[in-house]
N, C-alpha and C. Protein backbone atom coordinates (compact mmCIF):
# COMPACT_ATOMS: atom_id res chain seq x y z
N MET A 1 -137.84 -47.41 2.85
CA MET A 1 -136.99 -46.22 2.84
C MET A 1 -135.56 -46.61 2.45
N GLU A 2 -134.99 -45.84 1.54
CA GLU A 2 -133.64 -46.14 1.06
C GLU A 2 -132.62 -45.33 1.85
N TYR A 3 -131.60 -46.02 2.37
CA TYR A 3 -130.55 -45.36 3.13
C TYR A 3 -129.29 -45.27 2.29
N ARG A 4 -128.67 -44.10 2.29
CA ARG A 4 -127.44 -43.91 1.53
C ARG A 4 -126.23 -44.20 2.40
N THR A 5 -125.27 -44.90 1.86
CA THR A 5 -124.04 -45.17 2.58
C THR A 5 -123.19 -43.90 2.62
N TYR A 6 -122.63 -43.61 3.78
CA TYR A 6 -121.79 -42.41 3.90
C TYR A 6 -120.50 -42.61 3.12
N VAL A 7 -120.22 -41.69 2.23
CA VAL A 7 -118.98 -41.72 1.46
C VAL A 7 -118.13 -40.52 1.90
N PRO A 8 -116.97 -40.77 2.51
CA PRO A 8 -116.16 -39.65 2.99
C PRO A 8 -115.67 -38.78 1.84
N PRO A 9 -115.54 -37.48 2.06
CA PRO A 9 -115.09 -36.58 0.99
C PRO A 9 -113.67 -36.89 0.54
N THR A 10 -113.39 -36.65 -0.72
CA THR A 10 -112.05 -36.81 -1.27
C THR A 10 -111.31 -35.49 -1.14
N TYR A 11 -110.02 -35.53 -0.90
CA TYR A 11 -109.27 -34.30 -0.71
C TYR A 11 -107.86 -34.46 -1.26
N LEU A 12 -107.14 -33.34 -1.36
CA LEU A 12 -105.75 -33.32 -1.80
C LEU A 12 -104.85 -32.88 -0.65
N GLU A 13 -103.62 -33.32 -0.70
CA GLU A 13 -102.62 -32.85 0.26
C GLU A 13 -102.15 -31.45 -0.16
N PRO A 14 -101.69 -30.62 0.80
CA PRO A 14 -101.22 -29.27 0.45
C PRO A 14 -100.15 -29.26 -0.65
N SER A 15 -99.24 -30.24 -0.63
CA SER A 15 -98.19 -30.29 -1.66
C SER A 15 -98.78 -30.49 -3.05
N GLU A 16 -99.89 -31.22 -3.14
CA GLU A 16 -100.55 -31.43 -4.42
C GLU A 16 -101.26 -30.16 -4.90
N ILE A 17 -101.87 -29.45 -3.95
CA ILE A 17 -102.51 -28.17 -4.28
C ILE A 17 -101.47 -27.20 -4.85
N ILE A 18 -100.33 -27.11 -4.16
CA ILE A 18 -99.27 -26.20 -4.59
C ILE A 18 -98.76 -26.59 -5.98
N ALA A 19 -98.60 -27.89 -6.21
CA ALA A 19 -98.12 -28.36 -7.52
C ALA A 19 -99.09 -27.97 -8.63
N ILE A 20 -100.39 -28.08 -8.36
CA ILE A 20 -101.40 -27.70 -9.36
C ILE A 20 -101.33 -26.21 -9.64
N ILE A 21 -101.24 -25.40 -8.59
CA ILE A 21 -101.16 -23.94 -8.77
C ILE A 21 -99.90 -23.57 -9.56
N GLU A 22 -98.79 -24.23 -9.25
CA GLU A 22 -97.54 -23.93 -9.95
C GLU A 22 -97.56 -24.37 -11.40
N ALA A 23 -98.51 -25.25 -11.77
CA ALA A 23 -98.62 -25.71 -13.16
C ALA A 23 -99.47 -24.77 -14.02
N ILE A 24 -100.12 -23.80 -13.40
CA ILE A 24 -101.01 -22.89 -14.14
C ILE A 24 -100.32 -22.18 -15.32
N PRO A 25 -99.07 -21.71 -15.16
CA PRO A 25 -98.42 -21.05 -16.31
C PRO A 25 -98.30 -21.94 -17.55
N LYS A 26 -98.38 -23.24 -17.36
CA LYS A 26 -98.25 -24.15 -18.50
C LYS A 26 -99.57 -24.37 -19.25
N VAL A 27 -100.68 -23.95 -18.63
CA VAL A 27 -101.98 -24.22 -19.26
C VAL A 27 -102.83 -22.97 -19.49
N SER A 28 -102.47 -21.86 -18.87
CA SER A 28 -103.32 -20.67 -18.91
C SER A 28 -102.70 -19.54 -19.72
N LEU A 29 -103.56 -18.79 -20.41
CA LEU A 29 -103.13 -17.57 -21.09
C LEU A 29 -103.29 -16.35 -20.18
N HIS A 30 -103.92 -16.56 -19.02
CA HIS A 30 -104.19 -15.48 -18.06
C HIS A 30 -103.67 -15.92 -16.69
N ILE A 31 -102.35 -15.99 -16.60
CA ILE A 31 -101.69 -16.64 -15.47
C ILE A 31 -102.02 -15.97 -14.14
N GLU A 32 -101.93 -14.64 -14.07
CA GLU A 32 -102.16 -13.95 -12.79
C GLU A 32 -103.58 -14.19 -12.30
N ARG A 33 -104.56 -13.99 -13.18
CA ARG A 33 -105.97 -14.18 -12.78
C ARG A 33 -106.22 -15.60 -12.31
N ASP A 34 -105.77 -16.58 -13.10
CA ASP A 34 -106.09 -17.97 -12.80
C ASP A 34 -105.33 -18.49 -11.58
N THR A 35 -104.11 -18.00 -11.38
CA THR A 35 -103.36 -18.37 -10.17
C THR A 35 -104.05 -17.82 -8.93
N LEU A 36 -104.49 -16.55 -9.00
CA LEU A 36 -105.21 -15.97 -7.86
C LEU A 36 -106.50 -16.72 -7.58
N LEU A 37 -107.20 -17.12 -8.62
CA LEU A 37 -108.44 -17.86 -8.45
C LEU A 37 -108.22 -19.14 -7.66
N LEU A 38 -107.19 -19.89 -8.03
CA LEU A 38 -106.92 -21.15 -7.32
C LEU A 38 -106.45 -20.91 -5.89
N LYS A 39 -105.68 -19.84 -5.69
CA LYS A 39 -105.25 -19.51 -4.32
C LYS A 39 -106.46 -19.18 -3.44
N VAL A 40 -107.42 -18.45 -4.00
CA VAL A 40 -108.63 -18.10 -3.24
C VAL A 40 -109.45 -19.37 -2.94
N LEU A 41 -109.60 -20.24 -3.92
CA LEU A 41 -110.32 -21.51 -3.68
C LEU A 41 -109.66 -22.29 -2.55
N TRP A 42 -108.35 -22.34 -2.56
CA TRP A 42 -107.60 -23.12 -1.56
C TRP A 42 -107.67 -22.50 -0.18
N GLN A 43 -107.44 -21.19 -0.06
CA GLN A 43 -107.38 -20.58 1.26
C GLN A 43 -108.75 -20.37 1.90
N THR A 44 -109.78 -20.14 1.08
CA THR A 44 -111.11 -19.88 1.67
C THR A 44 -111.94 -21.14 1.83
N GLY A 45 -111.68 -22.15 1.00
CA GLY A 45 -112.57 -23.32 1.00
C GLY A 45 -113.94 -22.97 0.45
N GLY A 46 -114.01 -21.88 -0.31
CA GLY A 46 -115.29 -21.44 -0.85
C GLY A 46 -115.80 -22.33 -1.97
N ARG A 47 -117.11 -22.37 -2.12
CA ARG A 47 -117.70 -23.06 -3.27
C ARG A 47 -117.34 -22.26 -4.52
N ILE A 48 -117.22 -22.94 -5.65
CA ILE A 48 -116.78 -22.28 -6.86
C ILE A 48 -117.68 -21.10 -7.23
N THR A 49 -118.99 -21.25 -7.07
CA THR A 49 -119.90 -20.15 -7.41
C THR A 49 -119.68 -18.95 -6.48
N GLU A 50 -119.43 -19.21 -5.21
CA GLU A 50 -119.17 -18.14 -4.25
C GLU A 50 -117.92 -17.36 -4.64
N VAL A 51 -116.87 -18.08 -5.00
CA VAL A 51 -115.59 -17.44 -5.34
C VAL A 51 -115.69 -16.67 -6.65
N LEU A 52 -116.38 -17.23 -7.64
CA LEU A 52 -116.50 -16.55 -8.93
C LEU A 52 -117.30 -15.25 -8.83
N GLU A 53 -118.13 -15.11 -7.79
CA GLU A 53 -118.92 -13.89 -7.62
C GLU A 53 -118.22 -12.85 -6.74
N LEU A 54 -116.96 -13.09 -6.39
CA LEU A 54 -116.21 -12.13 -5.59
C LEU A 54 -116.05 -10.80 -6.33
N ILE A 55 -116.24 -9.69 -5.60
CA ILE A 55 -116.04 -8.35 -6.17
C ILE A 55 -115.01 -7.60 -5.30
N PRO A 56 -114.29 -6.61 -5.89
CA PRO A 56 -113.20 -5.95 -5.16
C PRO A 56 -113.57 -5.36 -3.81
N LYS A 57 -114.77 -4.81 -3.68
CA LYS A 57 -115.12 -4.15 -2.42
C LYS A 57 -115.29 -5.15 -1.26
N ARG A 58 -115.30 -6.42 -1.56
CA ARG A 58 -115.43 -7.43 -0.51
C ARG A 58 -114.10 -8.10 -0.18
N ILE A 59 -113.00 -7.45 -0.55
CA ILE A 59 -111.66 -7.93 -0.21
C ILE A 59 -111.16 -7.16 1.01
N GLY A 60 -110.97 -7.84 2.12
CA GLY A 60 -110.45 -7.20 3.33
C GLY A 60 -108.96 -7.46 3.49
N ASP A 61 -108.40 -6.95 4.60
CA ASP A 61 -106.96 -7.12 4.84
C ASP A 61 -106.58 -8.58 5.08
N THR A 62 -107.45 -9.30 5.78
CA THR A 62 -107.18 -10.72 6.06
C THR A 62 -108.42 -11.58 5.82
N SER A 63 -109.35 -11.09 5.04
CA SER A 63 -110.57 -11.86 4.81
C SER A 63 -111.21 -11.48 3.48
N LEU A 64 -112.06 -12.38 3.01
CA LEU A 64 -112.93 -12.11 1.87
C LEU A 64 -114.36 -12.31 2.32
N SER A 65 -115.24 -11.47 1.84
CA SER A 65 -116.65 -11.62 2.12
C SER A 65 -117.29 -12.30 0.91
N LEU A 66 -117.64 -13.57 1.07
CA LEU A 66 -118.20 -14.35 -0.03
C LEU A 66 -119.70 -14.53 0.15
N ARG A 67 -120.40 -14.60 -0.98
CA ARG A 67 -121.84 -14.82 -0.91
C ARG A 67 -122.11 -16.17 -0.25
N ASN A 68 -123.08 -16.20 0.63
CA ASN A 68 -123.36 -17.39 1.44
C ASN A 68 -124.39 -18.28 0.73
N LEU A 69 -123.93 -19.37 0.14
CA LEU A 69 -124.84 -20.28 -0.55
C LEU A 69 -125.23 -21.45 0.34
N LYS A 70 -126.35 -22.09 0.01
CA LYS A 70 -126.82 -23.30 0.68
C LYS A 70 -126.97 -23.10 2.19
N GLN A 71 -127.56 -21.99 2.59
CA GLN A 71 -127.76 -21.72 4.00
C GLN A 71 -129.24 -21.55 4.30
N LYS A 72 -129.57 -21.52 5.58
CA LYS A 72 -130.94 -21.28 6.00
C LYS A 72 -131.34 -19.84 5.62
N PRO A 73 -132.64 -19.60 5.40
CA PRO A 73 -133.09 -18.24 5.05
C PRO A 73 -132.69 -17.19 6.06
N SER A 74 -132.52 -17.59 7.33
CA SER A 74 -132.16 -16.62 8.37
C SER A 74 -130.67 -16.30 8.40
N ALA A 75 -129.87 -17.04 7.64
CA ALA A 75 -128.42 -16.83 7.65
C ALA A 75 -128.06 -15.54 6.93
N PRO A 76 -126.95 -14.90 7.31
CA PRO A 76 -126.53 -13.67 6.61
C PRO A 76 -126.19 -13.97 5.15
N PRO A 77 -126.41 -13.01 4.25
CA PRO A 77 -126.17 -13.26 2.83
C PRO A 77 -124.69 -13.42 2.47
N TYR A 78 -123.79 -12.93 3.35
CA TYR A 78 -122.36 -13.05 3.09
C TYR A 78 -121.66 -13.66 4.30
N LYS A 79 -120.53 -14.31 4.04
CA LYS A 79 -119.74 -14.91 5.12
C LYS A 79 -118.30 -14.43 5.01
N GLU A 80 -117.66 -14.23 6.15
CA GLU A 80 -116.27 -13.81 6.18
C GLU A 80 -115.37 -15.04 6.21
N THR A 81 -114.44 -15.11 5.26
CA THR A 81 -113.50 -16.22 5.20
C THR A 81 -112.09 -15.68 5.31
N TYR A 82 -111.26 -16.34 6.07
CA TYR A 82 -109.89 -15.87 6.31
C TYR A 82 -109.02 -16.11 5.08
N ILE A 83 -108.14 -15.14 4.77
CA ILE A 83 -107.07 -15.34 3.80
C ILE A 83 -105.80 -14.71 4.36
N LYS A 84 -104.65 -15.14 3.87
CA LYS A 84 -103.39 -14.55 4.31
C LYS A 84 -103.29 -13.11 3.80
N PRO A 85 -102.68 -12.22 4.57
CA PRO A 85 -102.53 -10.82 4.14
C PRO A 85 -101.82 -10.71 2.78
N GLU A 86 -100.88 -11.62 2.51
CA GLU A 86 -100.16 -11.58 1.23
C GLU A 86 -101.11 -11.78 0.05
N LEU A 87 -102.07 -12.68 0.22
CA LEU A 87 -103.04 -12.91 -0.85
C LEU A 87 -103.96 -11.71 -1.02
N SER A 88 -104.33 -11.08 0.09
CA SER A 88 -105.15 -9.87 0.01
C SER A 88 -104.44 -8.79 -0.80
N LYS A 89 -103.15 -8.61 -0.57
CA LYS A 89 -102.37 -7.61 -1.31
C LYS A 89 -102.32 -7.94 -2.79
N GLU A 90 -102.11 -9.22 -3.10
CA GLU A 90 -102.08 -9.64 -4.50
C GLU A 90 -103.41 -9.36 -5.20
N LEU A 91 -104.51 -9.65 -4.50
CA LEU A 91 -105.83 -9.43 -5.07
C LEU A 91 -106.09 -7.94 -5.29
N ARG A 92 -105.75 -7.12 -4.32
CA ARG A 92 -106.00 -5.67 -4.43
C ARG A 92 -105.17 -5.05 -5.56
N LYS A 93 -103.94 -5.53 -5.70
CA LYS A 93 -103.10 -5.04 -6.79
C LYS A 93 -103.70 -5.43 -8.14
N TYR A 94 -104.20 -6.66 -8.21
CA TYR A 94 -104.81 -7.15 -9.46
C TYR A 94 -106.07 -6.35 -9.81
N CYS A 95 -106.78 -5.88 -8.78
CA CYS A 95 -108.07 -5.21 -8.98
C CYS A 95 -107.96 -3.69 -9.12
N LEU A 96 -106.74 -3.15 -9.18
CA LEU A 96 -106.55 -1.71 -9.16
C LEU A 96 -107.35 -0.97 -10.24
N ARG A 97 -107.47 -1.55 -11.42
CA ARG A 97 -108.15 -0.88 -12.51
C ARG A 97 -109.62 -1.27 -12.63
N MET A 98 -110.13 -2.00 -11.67
CA MET A 98 -111.53 -2.42 -11.70
C MET A 98 -112.38 -1.49 -10.84
N SER A 99 -113.67 -1.45 -11.13
CA SER A 99 -114.58 -0.77 -10.22
C SER A 99 -114.85 -1.70 -9.05
N GLU A 100 -115.33 -1.14 -7.95
CA GLU A 100 -115.50 -1.95 -6.74
C GLU A 100 -116.59 -3.02 -6.88
N ASN A 101 -117.44 -2.89 -7.91
CA ASN A 101 -118.50 -3.88 -8.10
C ASN A 101 -118.28 -4.80 -9.30
N ASP A 102 -117.10 -4.70 -9.92
CA ASP A 102 -116.75 -5.64 -10.98
C ASP A 102 -116.53 -7.03 -10.38
N TYR A 103 -116.69 -8.05 -11.20
CA TYR A 103 -116.26 -9.37 -10.77
C TYR A 103 -114.74 -9.43 -10.87
N VAL A 104 -114.10 -9.97 -9.84
CA VAL A 104 -112.64 -10.09 -9.85
C VAL A 104 -112.19 -11.06 -10.95
N PHE A 105 -112.87 -12.20 -11.04
CA PHE A 105 -112.46 -13.25 -11.97
C PHE A 105 -113.37 -13.24 -13.20
N LYS A 106 -113.09 -12.28 -14.09
CA LYS A 106 -113.94 -12.13 -15.26
C LYS A 106 -113.17 -12.52 -16.53
N PRO A 107 -113.91 -12.93 -17.57
CA PRO A 107 -113.25 -13.26 -18.83
C PRO A 107 -112.61 -12.01 -19.44
N ASN A 108 -111.47 -12.17 -20.06
CA ASN A 108 -110.77 -11.02 -20.63
C ASN A 108 -111.49 -10.42 -21.83
N ARG A 109 -112.27 -11.23 -22.54
CA ARG A 109 -112.90 -10.76 -23.76
C ARG A 109 -114.35 -10.31 -23.57
N LYS A 110 -114.84 -10.34 -22.33
CA LYS A 110 -116.21 -9.92 -22.08
C LYS A 110 -116.22 -8.79 -21.06
N PRO A 111 -116.97 -7.72 -21.32
CA PRO A 111 -116.99 -6.58 -20.38
C PRO A 111 -117.75 -6.87 -19.09
N THR A 112 -118.65 -7.85 -19.12
CA THR A 112 -119.45 -8.15 -17.93
C THR A 112 -119.39 -9.64 -17.64
N GLY A 113 -119.91 -10.02 -16.45
CA GLY A 113 -119.98 -11.43 -16.08
C GLY A 113 -118.67 -11.93 -15.50
N HIS A 114 -118.70 -13.17 -15.01
CA HIS A 114 -117.51 -13.79 -14.44
C HIS A 114 -117.18 -15.07 -15.20
N LEU A 115 -116.04 -15.65 -14.88
CA LEU A 115 -115.64 -16.90 -15.51
C LEU A 115 -116.70 -17.97 -15.27
N SER A 116 -116.78 -18.94 -16.15
CA SER A 116 -117.75 -20.02 -15.99
C SER A 116 -117.15 -21.16 -15.18
N ARG A 117 -118.02 -21.92 -14.55
CA ARG A 117 -117.58 -23.12 -13.83
C ARG A 117 -116.94 -24.10 -14.79
N PHE A 118 -117.44 -24.14 -16.02
CA PHE A 118 -116.87 -25.04 -17.03
C PHE A 118 -115.40 -24.71 -17.26
N TYR A 119 -115.09 -23.40 -17.36
CA TYR A 119 -113.70 -23.00 -17.58
C TYR A 119 -112.81 -23.43 -16.42
N VAL A 120 -113.28 -23.21 -15.18
CA VAL A 120 -112.46 -23.55 -14.01
C VAL A 120 -112.24 -25.07 -13.94
N ASN A 121 -113.27 -25.85 -14.26
CA ASN A 121 -113.10 -27.30 -14.31
C ASN A 121 -112.04 -27.69 -15.33
N TRP A 122 -112.11 -27.05 -16.49
CA TRP A 122 -111.13 -27.34 -17.55
C TRP A 122 -109.73 -26.97 -17.08
N LEU A 123 -109.59 -25.77 -16.50
CA LEU A 123 -108.29 -25.28 -16.03
C LEU A 123 -107.67 -26.23 -15.01
N LEU A 124 -108.46 -26.59 -14.01
CA LEU A 124 -107.96 -27.48 -12.97
C LEU A 124 -107.60 -28.85 -13.52
N GLY A 125 -108.45 -29.36 -14.39
CA GLY A 125 -108.18 -30.67 -14.98
C GLY A 125 -106.88 -30.69 -15.76
N LYS A 126 -106.64 -29.63 -16.54
CA LYS A 126 -105.41 -29.55 -17.33
C LYS A 126 -104.18 -29.44 -16.44
N ALA A 127 -104.25 -28.58 -15.42
CA ALA A 127 -103.11 -28.39 -14.52
C ALA A 127 -102.83 -29.66 -13.73
N ALA A 128 -103.88 -30.32 -13.24
CA ALA A 128 -103.72 -31.54 -12.46
C ALA A 128 -103.17 -32.68 -13.31
N ARG A 129 -103.54 -32.70 -14.58
CA ARG A 129 -103.03 -33.75 -15.48
C ARG A 129 -101.51 -33.62 -15.64
N ILE A 130 -101.02 -32.37 -15.72
CA ILE A 130 -99.58 -32.13 -15.88
C ILE A 130 -98.80 -32.70 -14.71
N VAL A 131 -99.34 -32.52 -13.49
CA VAL A 131 -98.63 -32.99 -12.29
C VAL A 131 -99.14 -34.35 -11.82
N ASN A 132 -100.03 -34.94 -12.62
CA ASN A 132 -100.57 -36.28 -12.36
C ASN A 132 -101.24 -36.40 -10.99
N VAL A 133 -102.14 -35.47 -10.70
CA VAL A 133 -102.91 -35.50 -9.45
C VAL A 133 -104.36 -35.85 -9.78
N LYS A 134 -104.81 -36.99 -9.30
CA LYS A 134 -106.20 -37.38 -9.53
C LYS A 134 -106.74 -38.13 -8.32
N ARG A 135 -108.06 -38.14 -8.24
CA ARG A 135 -108.74 -38.77 -7.12
C ARG A 135 -110.01 -39.46 -7.62
N ILE A 136 -110.57 -40.31 -6.76
CA ILE A 136 -111.87 -40.90 -7.07
C ILE A 136 -112.93 -39.83 -6.94
N ASN A 137 -113.72 -39.66 -7.97
CA ASN A 137 -114.86 -38.75 -7.91
C ASN A 137 -116.02 -39.53 -7.29
N THR A 138 -116.43 -39.14 -6.08
CA THR A 138 -117.44 -39.91 -5.35
C THR A 138 -118.80 -39.89 -6.03
N ARG A 139 -119.02 -38.93 -6.93
CA ARG A 139 -120.30 -38.88 -7.66
C ARG A 139 -120.35 -39.90 -8.78
N THR A 140 -119.20 -40.06 -9.47
CA THR A 140 -119.19 -40.96 -10.64
C THR A 140 -118.55 -42.30 -10.34
N GLY A 141 -117.71 -42.34 -9.29
CA GLY A 141 -117.00 -43.57 -8.98
C GLY A 141 -115.76 -43.78 -9.83
N ASP A 142 -115.43 -42.79 -10.67
CA ASP A 142 -114.26 -42.89 -11.56
C ASP A 142 -113.13 -42.01 -11.06
N PHE A 143 -111.91 -42.35 -11.49
CA PHE A 143 -110.78 -41.47 -11.21
C PHE A 143 -110.89 -40.24 -12.09
N SER A 144 -110.69 -39.05 -11.50
CA SER A 144 -110.74 -37.80 -12.25
C SER A 144 -109.57 -36.93 -11.82
N PHE A 145 -109.12 -36.08 -12.74
CA PHE A 145 -108.16 -35.06 -12.35
C PHE A 145 -108.92 -33.99 -11.57
N ALA A 146 -108.19 -33.10 -10.91
CA ALA A 146 -108.78 -32.20 -9.91
C ALA A 146 -109.97 -31.39 -10.44
N TRP A 147 -110.89 -31.09 -9.54
CA TRP A 147 -112.06 -30.26 -9.84
C TRP A 147 -112.24 -29.27 -8.68
N PRO A 148 -112.98 -28.17 -8.87
CA PRO A 148 -113.02 -27.09 -7.87
C PRO A 148 -113.43 -27.51 -6.47
N HIS A 149 -114.45 -28.37 -6.33
CA HIS A 149 -114.92 -28.71 -4.98
C HIS A 149 -113.88 -29.50 -4.19
N LEU A 150 -112.94 -30.10 -4.90
CA LEU A 150 -111.85 -30.81 -4.23
C LEU A 150 -111.01 -29.86 -3.39
N PHE A 151 -110.88 -28.61 -3.85
CA PHE A 151 -110.14 -27.61 -3.08
C PHE A 151 -110.88 -27.28 -1.78
N ARG A 152 -112.20 -27.30 -1.80
CA ARG A 152 -112.99 -27.04 -0.60
C ARG A 152 -112.75 -28.14 0.45
N HIS A 153 -112.81 -29.39 0.00
CA HIS A 153 -112.55 -30.51 0.92
C HIS A 153 -111.12 -30.42 1.47
N SER A 154 -110.19 -30.05 0.61
CA SER A 154 -108.78 -30.00 1.01
C SER A 154 -108.54 -28.91 2.04
N CYS A 155 -109.21 -27.77 1.89
CA CYS A 155 -109.12 -26.69 2.87
C CYS A 155 -109.60 -27.15 4.24
N ALA A 156 -110.73 -27.83 4.26
CA ALA A 156 -111.28 -28.33 5.53
C ALA A 156 -110.31 -29.29 6.21
N MET A 157 -109.74 -30.21 5.44
CA MET A 157 -108.80 -31.17 6.01
C MET A 157 -107.54 -30.49 6.51
N TYR A 158 -107.07 -29.48 5.79
CA TYR A 158 -105.87 -28.76 6.21
C TYR A 158 -106.10 -28.05 7.54
N ILE A 159 -107.25 -27.41 7.68
CA ILE A 159 -107.57 -26.72 8.94
C ILE A 159 -107.63 -27.72 10.10
N LEU A 160 -108.26 -28.87 9.85
CA LEU A 160 -108.35 -29.89 10.91
C LEU A 160 -106.97 -30.45 11.24
N ASP A 161 -106.14 -30.67 10.22
CA ASP A 161 -104.79 -31.19 10.45
C ASP A 161 -103.97 -30.23 11.30
N LYS A 162 -104.10 -28.92 11.01
CA LYS A 162 -103.26 -27.93 11.68
C LYS A 162 -103.81 -27.48 13.03
N THR A 163 -105.14 -27.48 13.19
CA THR A 163 -105.73 -26.93 14.42
C THR A 163 -106.52 -27.96 15.23
N GLY A 164 -107.04 -28.99 14.57
CA GLY A 164 -107.89 -29.96 15.25
C GLY A 164 -109.27 -29.41 15.59
N SER A 165 -109.60 -28.23 15.09
CA SER A 165 -110.85 -27.57 15.46
C SER A 165 -111.91 -27.68 14.37
N THR A 166 -112.98 -28.43 14.65
CA THR A 166 -114.08 -28.50 13.70
C THR A 166 -114.83 -27.17 13.63
N GLU A 167 -114.80 -26.41 14.75
CA GLU A 167 -115.48 -25.12 14.77
C GLU A 167 -114.83 -24.13 13.80
N LEU A 168 -113.48 -24.13 13.77
CA LEU A 168 -112.78 -23.24 12.84
C LEU A 168 -113.06 -23.65 11.40
N ALA A 169 -113.04 -24.94 11.14
CA ALA A 169 -113.32 -25.42 9.79
C ALA A 169 -114.76 -25.08 9.38
N GLN A 170 -115.70 -25.24 10.31
CA GLN A 170 -117.10 -24.90 10.03
C GLN A 170 -117.24 -23.42 9.69
N ARG A 171 -116.57 -22.58 10.47
CA ARG A 171 -116.67 -21.13 10.23
C ARG A 171 -116.05 -20.75 8.88
N GLN A 172 -114.89 -21.33 8.56
CA GLN A 172 -114.22 -20.97 7.30
C GLN A 172 -115.03 -21.42 6.09
N LEU A 173 -115.60 -22.63 6.15
CA LEU A 173 -116.34 -23.15 5.01
C LEU A 173 -117.79 -22.67 4.97
N GLY A 174 -118.27 -22.18 6.10
CA GLY A 174 -119.64 -21.66 6.14
C GLY A 174 -120.70 -22.73 6.23
N HIS A 175 -120.37 -23.86 6.86
CA HIS A 175 -121.36 -24.92 7.03
C HIS A 175 -122.45 -24.46 8.00
N ALA A 176 -123.69 -24.70 7.64
CA ALA A 176 -124.79 -24.32 8.53
C ALA A 176 -124.85 -25.21 9.76
N ARG A 177 -124.45 -26.48 9.59
CA ARG A 177 -124.51 -27.45 10.70
C ARG A 177 -123.13 -28.03 10.96
N ILE A 178 -122.77 -28.17 12.22
CA ILE A 178 -121.47 -28.73 12.60
C ILE A 178 -121.36 -30.19 12.16
N THR A 179 -122.51 -30.87 12.03
CA THR A 179 -122.47 -32.27 11.61
C THR A 179 -121.86 -32.42 10.21
N THR A 180 -122.05 -31.42 9.37
CA THR A 180 -121.43 -31.46 8.03
C THR A 180 -119.91 -31.44 8.16
N THR A 181 -119.41 -30.57 9.03
CA THR A 181 -117.96 -30.45 9.23
C THR A 181 -117.40 -31.70 9.90
N GLN A 182 -118.19 -32.34 10.74
CA GLN A 182 -117.71 -33.52 11.46
C GLN A 182 -117.39 -34.68 10.51
N GLY A 183 -117.97 -34.64 9.29
CA GLY A 183 -117.62 -35.65 8.29
C GLY A 183 -116.13 -35.61 7.96
N TYR A 184 -115.56 -34.41 7.98
CA TYR A 184 -114.12 -34.27 7.74
C TYR A 184 -113.32 -34.78 8.94
N ALA A 185 -113.87 -34.60 10.14
CA ALA A 185 -113.19 -35.09 11.33
C ALA A 185 -113.08 -36.62 11.30
N VAL A 186 -114.13 -37.28 10.80
CA VAL A 186 -114.09 -38.74 10.64
C VAL A 186 -112.98 -39.12 9.67
N LEU A 187 -112.87 -38.38 8.59
CA LEU A 187 -111.84 -38.65 7.59
C LEU A 187 -110.45 -38.41 8.17
N LYS A 188 -110.30 -37.38 9.00
CA LYS A 188 -109.02 -37.11 9.64
C LYS A 188 -108.62 -38.26 10.56
N LEU A 189 -109.61 -38.83 11.28
CA LEU A 189 -109.33 -39.96 12.16
C LEU A 189 -108.85 -41.16 11.35
N GLU A 190 -109.49 -41.40 10.20
CA GLU A 190 -109.07 -42.50 9.34
C GLU A 190 -107.65 -42.28 8.83
N LYS A 191 -107.33 -41.03 8.50
CA LYS A 191 -105.99 -40.69 8.04
C LYS A 191 -104.96 -40.95 9.15
N SER A 192 -105.31 -40.56 10.38
CA SER A 192 -104.41 -40.76 11.52
C SER A 192 -104.18 -42.25 11.78
N ARG A 193 -105.25 -43.05 11.65
CA ARG A 193 -105.11 -44.49 11.86
C ARG A 193 -104.19 -45.12 10.82
N LYS A 194 -104.29 -44.63 9.57
CA LYS A 194 -103.41 -45.15 8.51
C LYS A 194 -101.96 -44.79 8.82
N MET A 195 -101.73 -43.56 9.29
CA MET A 195 -100.37 -43.15 9.65
C MET A 195 -99.84 -44.02 10.77
N LEU A 196 -100.71 -44.35 11.73
CA LEU A 196 -100.31 -45.22 12.84
C LEU A 196 -99.94 -46.61 12.33
N GLY A 197 -100.74 -47.10 11.36
CA GLY A 197 -100.47 -48.41 10.81
C GLY A 197 -99.19 -48.46 9.99
N ASP A 198 -98.77 -47.32 9.47
CA ASP A 198 -97.56 -47.27 8.65
C ASP A 198 -96.29 -47.16 9.49
N LEU A 199 -96.43 -46.94 10.79
CA LEU A 199 -95.26 -46.82 11.65
C LEU A 199 -94.52 -48.17 11.74
N GLU A 200 -93.21 -48.09 11.80
CA GLU A 200 -92.41 -49.31 11.96
C GLU A 200 -92.17 -49.52 13.46
N TRP A 201 -92.86 -50.51 14.01
CA TRP A 201 -92.76 -50.77 15.45
C TRP A 201 -91.52 -51.62 15.73
N GLU A 202 -90.75 -51.19 16.73
CA GLU A 202 -89.53 -51.93 17.12
C GLU A 202 -89.92 -53.23 17.79
């Protein structure tokens, strides 16, 4: 039997996320749409497919209802993820001329469908290159500029940093098992140990 070595998830610091979002005007022809997309990825920790399938009627005052992927058959088809009220207002304003069942993040030149994962990967890579933000891609072992799932890992780490609650992180990301979320807690402990090691002891 082959055992896989645990590889901790890679993540970005909040300042790096903000820098990438602020670089969008330099790489996008659809600044409002693409900026909102990255804000939703960051605040919800949603999987890229879940976020791309967002429709206006699933935008609440402080939450988004995202399709629930990779769950047990008994799990609800949608999950509630928290967002700041300011982001909700921005999204609703953006969606004013859409029907409630349109995709929020749709291509400008196509009447139906949503943006492709390929486009979002390209967008993030271009924006991250401008601000020189890259990480080891645990799948390939190479350094890569930002990709969508990195925002999911970063959201989990931010929640743990600010609250210390694996339960809150599990609920926001929609993990079926707490053991999945605990992988981030291990990473947070490693981060704390590094900070301790960097202290200048008198």
